[in-house]
Amino acid sequence: MSRIGHAQINIPAAATVDYKNNVVTVTGNNITMTRELNEGFDVTIEDGVLTVVRPDDSKNNKALHGLYRALSNNMITGVTEGFKKQLEL
């Protein structure tokens, strides 16, 4: 069971997400990131929430399900907040 893959991603107002031909495109703050997904995977975008759906329950697709969800979340975080390094003393 993929706990990460089933989690939904909230899309902030500063980002726009498009999905066409197995390619997820995230745009925000003059930055555009794209990621190509394997055949069969689907992305649904409804009411500001992104969800990754896998084609079947094979072992490989279960692993890729969580990976694609995490990569999509990181792309959204990257275009809205950017990279930051925090030093703790």
C-alpha atoms as a PDB file:
ATOM      1  CA  MET A   1       0.000   0.000   0.000  1.00  0.00           C
ATOM      2  CA  SER A   2       1.402   3.346  -1.017  1.00  0.00           C
ATOM      3  CA  ARG A   3       0.778   5.893   1.697  1.00  0.00           C
ATOM      4  CA  ILE A   4       2.693   8.616  -0.096  1.00  0.00           C
ATOM      5  CA  GLY A   5       1.138   7.961  -3.501  1.00  0.00           C
ATOM      6  CA  HIS A   6      -2.435   8.259  -2.268  1.00  0.00           C
ATOM      7  CA  ALA A   7      -1.863  11.596  -0.518  1.00  0.00           C
ATOM      8  CA  GLN A   8      -3.281  14.615  -2.294  1.00  0.00           C
ATOM      9  CA  ILE A   9      -1.237  17.708  -3.093  1.00  0.00           C
ATOM     10  CA  ASN A  10      -2.741  21.141  -2.480  1.00  0.00           C
ATOM     11  CA  ILE A  11      -1.818  23.550  -5.272  1.00  0.00           C
ATOM     12  CA  PRO A  12      -1.130  27.083  -3.966  1.00  0.00           C
ATOM     13  CA  ALA A  13      -2.503  30.114  -5.785  1.00  0.00           C
ATOM     14  CA  ALA A  14       1.029  31.094  -6.920  1.00  0.00           C
ATOM     15  CA  ALA A  15       1.426  27.902  -8.986  1.00  0.00           C
ATOM     16  CA  THR A  16      -0.347  26.526 -12.046  1.00  0.00           C
ATOM     17  CA  VAL A  17      -0.252  22.848 -12.954  1.00  0.00           C
ATOM     18  CA  ASP A  18      -0.993  21.377 -16.396  1.00  0.00           C
ATOM     19  CA  TYR A  19      -1.096  17.727 -17.487  1.00  0.00           C
ATOM     20  CA  LYS A  20      -0.954  16.766 -21.171  1.00  0.00           C
ATOM     21  CA  ASN A  21       0.420  13.691 -22.944  1.00  0.00           C
ATOM     22  CA  ASN A  22       1.916  12.158 -19.760  1.00  0.00           C
ATOM     23  CA  VAL A  23       3.846  15.361 -18.943  1.00  0.00           C
ATOM     24  CA  VAL A  24       3.214  17.351 -15.760  1.00  0.00           C
ATOM     25  CA  THR A  25       4.130  21.042 -16.077  1.00  0.00           C
ATOM     26  CA  VAL A  26       4.292  23.296 -13.012  1.00  0.00           C
ATOM     27  CA  THR A  27       4.686  27.059 -13.449  1.00  0.00           C
ATOM     28  CA  GLY A  28       5.120  29.781 -10.854  1.00  0.00           C
ATOM     29  CA  ASN A  29       7.334  32.782 -10.020  1.00  0.00           C
ATOM     30  CA  ASN A  30       8.774  32.850 -13.583  1.00  0.00           C
ATOM     31  CA  ILE A  31       9.955  29.236 -13.209  1.00  0.00           C
ATOM     32  CA  THR A  32       8.671  26.238 -15.187  1.00  0.00           C
ATOM     33  CA  MET A  33       9.386  22.615 -14.309  1.00  0.00           C
ATOM     34  CA  THR A  34       8.288  19.532 -16.252  1.00  0.00           C
ATOM     35  CA  ARG A  35       8.282  15.804 -15.536  1.00  0.00           C
ATOM     36  CA  GLU A  36       7.306  12.985 -17.884  1.00  0.00           C
ATOM     37  CA  LEU A  37       5.323  10.113 -16.345  1.00  0.00           C
ATOM     38  CA  ASN A  38       5.246   6.487 -17.512  1.00  0.00           C
ATOM     39  CA  GLU A  39       2.398   5.276 -19.697  1.00  0.00           C
ATOM     40  CA  GLY A  40      -0.753   4.470 -17.756  1.00  0.00           C
ATOM     41  CA  PHE A  41      -0.235   6.914 -14.905  1.00  0.00           C
ATOM     42  CA  ASP A  42      -2.814   9.667 -14.727  1.00  0.00           C
ATOM     43  CA  VAL A  43      -2.920  13.005 -12.943  1.00  0.00           C
ATOM     44  CA  THR A  44      -6.202  14.596 -11.919  1.00  0.00           C
ATOM     45  CA  ILE A  45      -6.439  18.265 -11.008  1.00  0.00           C
ATOM     46  CA  GLU A  46      -9.687  19.327  -9.334  1.00  0.00           C
ATOM     47  CA  ASP A  47     -10.434  22.296  -7.061  1.00  0.00           C
ATOM     48  CA  GLY A  48      -6.761  23.108  -6.474  1.00  0.00           C
ATOM     49  CA  VAL A  49      -5.851  19.517  -5.538  1.00  0.00           C
ATOM     50  CA  LEU A  50      -3.515  17.291  -7.563  1.00  0.00           C
ATOM     51  CA  THR A  51      -3.818  13.507  -7.337  1.00  0.00           C
ATOM     52  CA  VAL A  52      -1.623  10.876  -9.028  1.00  0.00           C
ATOM     53  CA  VAL A  53      -3.453   7.687 -10.092  1.00  0.00           C
ATOM     54  CA  ARG A  54      -1.610   4.463 -10.972  1.00  0.00           C
ATOM     55  CA  PRO A  55      -2.821   2.066 -13.699  1.00  0.00           C
ATOM     56  CA  ASP A  56      -2.678  -1.180 -11.682  1.00  0.00           C
ATOM     57  CA  ASP A  57      -1.299  -2.732  -8.505  1.00  0.00           C
ATOM     58  CA  SER A  58       1.910  -4.225  -9.902  1.00  0.00           C
ATOM     59  CA  LYS A  59       4.985  -3.878  -7.700  1.00  0.00           C
ATOM     60  CA  ASN A  60       6.762  -1.512 -10.100  1.00  0.00           C
ATOM     61  CA  ASN A  61       3.714   0.755 -10.469  1.00  0.00           C
ATOM     62  CA  LYS A  62       3.270   0.916  -6.699  1.00  0.00           C
ATOM     63  CA  ALA A  63       6.853   2.119  -6.333  1.00  0.00           C
ATOM     64  CA  LEU A  64       6.517   4.671  -9.138  1.00  0.00           C
ATOM     65  CA  HIS A  65       3.204   5.912  -7.709  1.00  0.00           C
ATOM     66  CA  GLY A  66       4.857   7.286  -4.570  1.00  0.00           C
ATOM     67  CA  LEU A  67       7.838   8.555  -6.561  1.00  0.00           C
ATOM     68  CA  TYR A  68       5.726  10.560  -9.026  1.00  0.00           C
ATOM     69  CA  ARG A  69       3.635  12.015  -6.213  1.00  0.00           C
ATOM     70  CA  ALA A  70       6.770  13.103  -4.321  1.00  0.00           C
ATOM     71  CA  LEU A  71       8.375  14.582  -7.452  1.00  0.00           C
ATOM     72  CA  SER A  72       5.185  16.521  -8.252  1.00  0.00           C
ATOM     73  CA  ASN A  73       5.032  17.874  -4.712  1.00  0.00           C
ATOM     74  CA  ASN A  74       8.697  18.905  -4.882  1.00  0.00           C
ATOM     75  CA  MET A  75       8.122  20.684  -8.194  1.00  0.00           C
ATOM     76  CA  ILE A  76       5.241  22.690  -6.704  1.00  0.00           C
ATOM     77  CA  THR A  77       7.327  23.565  -3.650  1.00  0.00           C
ATOM     78  CA  GLY A  78      10.269  24.515  -5.867  1.00  0.00           C
ATOM     79  CA  VAL A  79       8.376  26.989  -8.038  1.00  0.00           C
ATOM     80  CA  THR A  80       6.533  28.643  -5.141  1.00  0.00           C
ATOM     81  CA  GLU A  81       9.069  28.763  -2.301  1.00  0.00           C
ATOM     82  CA  GLY A  82      12.338  28.076  -4.076  1.00  0.00           C
ATOM     83  CA  PHE A  83      15.443  26.584  -2.520  1.00  0.00           C
ATOM     84  CA  LYS A  84      16.429  27.682   0.931  1.00  0.00           C
ATOM     85  CA  LYS A  85      19.164  26.511   3.232  1.00  0.00           C
ATOM     86  CA  GLN A  86      18.625  26.963   6.940  1.00  0.00           C
ATOM     87  CA  LEU A  87      21.565  26.810   9.308  1.00  0.00           C
ATOM     88  CA  GLU A  88      20.919  25.882  12.911  1.00  0.00           C
ATOM     89  CA  LEU A  89      23.493  26.941  15.461  1.00  0.00           C
END
